[in-house]
N, C-alpha and C. Protein backbone atom coordinates (compact mmCIF):
# COMPACT_ATOMS: atom_id res chain seq x y z
N MET A 1 0.85 -1.16 0.00
CA MET A 1 0.00 0.00 0.00
C MET A 1 0.90 1.24 0.00
N ASN A 2 0.61 2.18 -0.84
CA ASN A 2 1.38 3.40 -0.93
C ASN A 2 0.50 4.57 -0.49
N ILE A 3 0.77 5.12 0.66
CA ILE A 3 0.00 6.22 1.20
C ILE A 3 0.77 7.51 0.98
N ASP A 4 0.13 8.49 0.38
CA ASP A 4 0.76 9.77 0.13
C ASP A 4 1.06 10.48 1.45
N ALA A 5 2.18 11.18 1.50
CA ALA A 5 2.57 11.88 2.72
C ALA A 5 1.54 12.92 3.16
N SER A 6 0.72 13.39 2.26
CA SER A 6 -0.31 14.37 2.61
C SER A 6 -1.38 13.79 3.53
N HIS A 7 -1.33 12.49 3.77
CA HIS A 7 -2.30 11.82 4.65
C HIS A 7 -1.66 11.34 5.95
N LEU A 8 -0.42 11.74 6.23
CA LEU A 8 0.30 11.21 7.39
C LEU A 8 0.54 12.26 8.46
N VAL A 9 0.51 11.84 9.70
CA VAL A 9 0.95 12.65 10.83
C VAL A 9 1.92 11.78 11.64
N LEU A 10 2.76 12.41 12.42
CA LEU A 10 3.70 11.68 13.27
C LEU A 10 3.23 11.77 14.71
N GLU A 11 3.35 10.66 15.45
CA GLU A 11 2.91 10.64 16.84
C GLU A 11 3.69 9.59 17.61
N THR A 12 3.52 9.60 18.92
CA THR A 12 4.22 8.65 19.80
C THR A 12 3.22 7.91 20.67
N ASP A 13 2.20 7.37 20.06
CA ASP A 13 1.12 6.73 20.81
C ASP A 13 1.48 5.33 21.28
N SER A 14 2.62 4.82 20.90
CA SER A 14 3.04 3.48 21.32
C SER A 14 4.16 3.63 22.35
N PRO A 15 3.81 3.71 23.63
CA PRO A 15 4.82 4.02 24.63
C PRO A 15 5.91 2.96 24.77
N TYR A 16 5.65 1.72 24.34
CA TYR A 16 6.65 0.66 24.49
C TYR A 16 7.21 0.19 23.17
N LEU A 17 7.06 1.01 22.12
CA LEU A 17 7.60 0.66 20.81
C LEU A 17 8.41 1.85 20.27
N ALA A 18 9.51 2.12 20.94
CA ALA A 18 10.39 3.22 20.54
C ALA A 18 11.11 2.85 19.24
N PRO A 19 11.43 3.86 18.42
CA PRO A 19 12.13 3.59 17.16
C PRO A 19 13.59 3.17 17.41
N HIS A 20 14.14 2.48 16.43
CA HIS A 20 15.56 2.17 16.47
C HIS A 20 16.30 3.49 16.38
N PRO A 21 17.24 3.85 17.12
CA PRO A 21 18.08 3.09 18.04
C PRO A 21 17.67 3.21 19.51
N LYS A 22 16.45 3.57 19.79
CA LYS A 22 15.99 3.76 21.16
C LYS A 22 15.17 2.58 21.67
N ARG A 23 15.21 1.45 20.97
CA ARG A 23 14.45 0.27 21.40
C ARG A 23 14.81 -0.09 22.83
N GLY A 24 13.81 -0.51 23.57
CA GLY A 24 14.01 -0.87 24.97
C GLY A 24 13.75 0.29 25.93
N LYS A 25 13.62 1.50 25.38
CA LYS A 25 13.31 2.65 26.21
C LYS A 25 11.85 3.03 25.97
N ARG A 26 11.29 3.78 26.88
CA ARG A 26 9.93 4.26 26.71
C ARG A 26 9.91 5.29 25.59
N ASN A 27 8.96 5.17 24.67
CA ASN A 27 8.84 6.08 23.54
C ASN A 27 8.45 7.46 24.03
N GLU A 28 8.97 8.49 23.37
CA GLU A 28 8.64 9.87 23.74
C GLU A 28 8.73 10.77 22.52
N SER A 29 8.14 11.94 22.62
CA SER A 29 8.06 12.87 21.49
C SER A 29 9.43 13.26 20.93
N SER A 30 10.43 13.29 21.76
CA SER A 30 11.76 13.70 21.27
C SER A 30 12.33 12.71 20.27
N TYR A 31 11.73 11.54 20.15
CA TYR A 31 12.20 10.53 19.18
C TYR A 31 11.55 10.68 17.81
N LEU A 32 10.64 11.63 17.64
CA LEU A 32 9.94 11.78 16.37
C LEU A 32 10.89 12.02 15.20
N HIS A 33 12.04 12.62 15.46
CA HIS A 33 12.97 12.87 14.36
C HIS A 33 13.48 11.56 13.74
N TYR A 34 13.53 10.48 14.53
CA TYR A 34 13.91 9.18 13.96
C TYR A 34 12.85 8.69 12.98
N ILE A 35 11.60 8.87 13.35
CA ILE A 35 10.48 8.47 12.50
C ILE A 35 10.45 9.34 11.25
N ALA A 36 10.60 10.64 11.42
CA ALA A 36 10.59 11.56 10.28
C ALA A 36 11.74 11.25 9.32
N SER A 37 12.89 10.91 9.85
CA SER A 37 14.05 10.59 9.03
C SER A 37 13.80 9.34 8.19
N LYS A 38 13.25 8.30 8.81
CA LYS A 38 12.96 7.06 8.07
C LYS A 38 11.87 7.30 7.05
N LEU A 39 10.85 8.05 7.41
CA LEU A 39 9.77 8.35 6.48
C LEU A 39 10.30 9.14 5.28
N ALA A 40 11.20 10.07 5.53
CA ALA A 40 11.81 10.84 4.43
C ALA A 40 12.56 9.90 3.49
N GLU A 41 13.29 8.97 4.05
CA GLU A 41 14.03 7.99 3.24
C GLU A 41 13.08 7.16 2.38
N VAL A 42 12.03 6.66 3.00
CA VAL A 42 11.06 5.81 2.29
C VAL A 42 10.33 6.58 1.19
N LYS A 43 9.98 7.84 1.48
CA LYS A 43 9.21 8.65 0.54
C LYS A 43 10.08 9.41 -0.46
N GLY A 44 11.40 9.34 -0.32
CA GLY A 44 12.29 10.04 -1.24
C GLY A 44 12.22 11.55 -1.09
N LYS A 45 12.06 12.00 0.15
CA LYS A 45 11.97 13.44 0.44
C LYS A 45 13.01 13.78 1.50
N THR A 46 13.20 15.07 1.73
CA THR A 46 14.10 15.48 2.80
C THR A 46 13.33 15.45 4.12
N ILE A 47 14.07 15.41 5.20
CA ILE A 47 13.43 15.43 6.51
C ILE A 47 12.69 16.76 6.72
N GLU A 48 13.21 17.82 6.12
CA GLU A 48 12.54 19.12 6.22
C GLU A 48 11.18 19.09 5.52
N GLU A 49 11.14 18.46 4.34
CA GLU A 49 9.86 18.34 3.62
C GLU A 49 8.86 17.51 4.41
N ILE A 50 9.32 16.40 4.97
CA ILE A 50 8.43 15.54 5.77
C ILE A 50 7.94 16.30 7.00
N SER A 51 8.82 17.03 7.64
CA SER A 51 8.43 17.82 8.83
C SER A 51 7.36 18.85 8.48
N GLU A 52 7.56 19.54 7.37
CA GLU A 52 6.57 20.55 6.94
C GLU A 52 5.23 19.90 6.61
N ILE A 53 5.27 18.80 5.86
CA ILE A 53 4.04 18.12 5.44
C ILE A 53 3.29 17.57 6.64
N THR A 54 3.98 16.85 7.52
CA THR A 54 3.28 16.21 8.64
C THR A 54 2.82 17.24 9.68
N THR A 55 3.56 18.33 9.84
CA THR A 55 3.11 19.38 10.74
C THR A 55 1.85 20.04 10.19
N SER A 56 1.84 20.33 8.91
CA SER A 56 0.66 20.90 8.26
C SER A 56 -0.54 19.96 8.40
N ASN A 57 -0.31 18.67 8.19
CA ASN A 57 -1.39 17.69 8.32
C ASN A 57 -1.96 17.67 9.74
N ALA A 58 -1.08 17.71 10.74
CA ALA A 58 -1.54 17.70 12.13
C ALA A 58 -2.33 18.96 12.46
N LEU A 59 -1.87 20.10 11.97
CA LEU A 59 -2.60 21.36 12.21
C LEU A 59 -3.99 21.31 11.58
N LYS A 60 -4.09 20.75 10.39
CA LYS A 60 -5.40 20.61 9.75
C LYS A 60 -6.29 19.63 10.53
N LEU A 61 -5.70 18.52 10.94
CA LEU A 61 -6.45 17.49 11.66
C LEU A 61 -7.04 18.04 12.96
N TYR A 62 -6.23 18.80 13.68
CA TYR A 62 -6.67 19.34 14.96
C TYR A 62 -7.24 20.75 14.84
N LYS A 63 -7.45 21.20 13.59
CA LYS A 63 -8.10 22.47 13.29
C LYS A 63 -7.43 23.69 13.93
N PHE A 64 -6.10 23.75 13.81
CA PHE A 64 -5.34 24.90 14.28
C PHE A 64 -5.11 25.86 13.16
């Protein structure tokens, strides 16, 4: 399944599933850059582009 980045937001709702290299630690918001970095790699975008897209998506979702 190929989901366009315009439909994605980043979150840390899985407290016991931290991203690599933080496995074994409690997940927290400060680890989002690991997720954004991997997503950028998968989507062929820069981390800055992914950050802008997912932040915009979250603002729309939560009506800010």
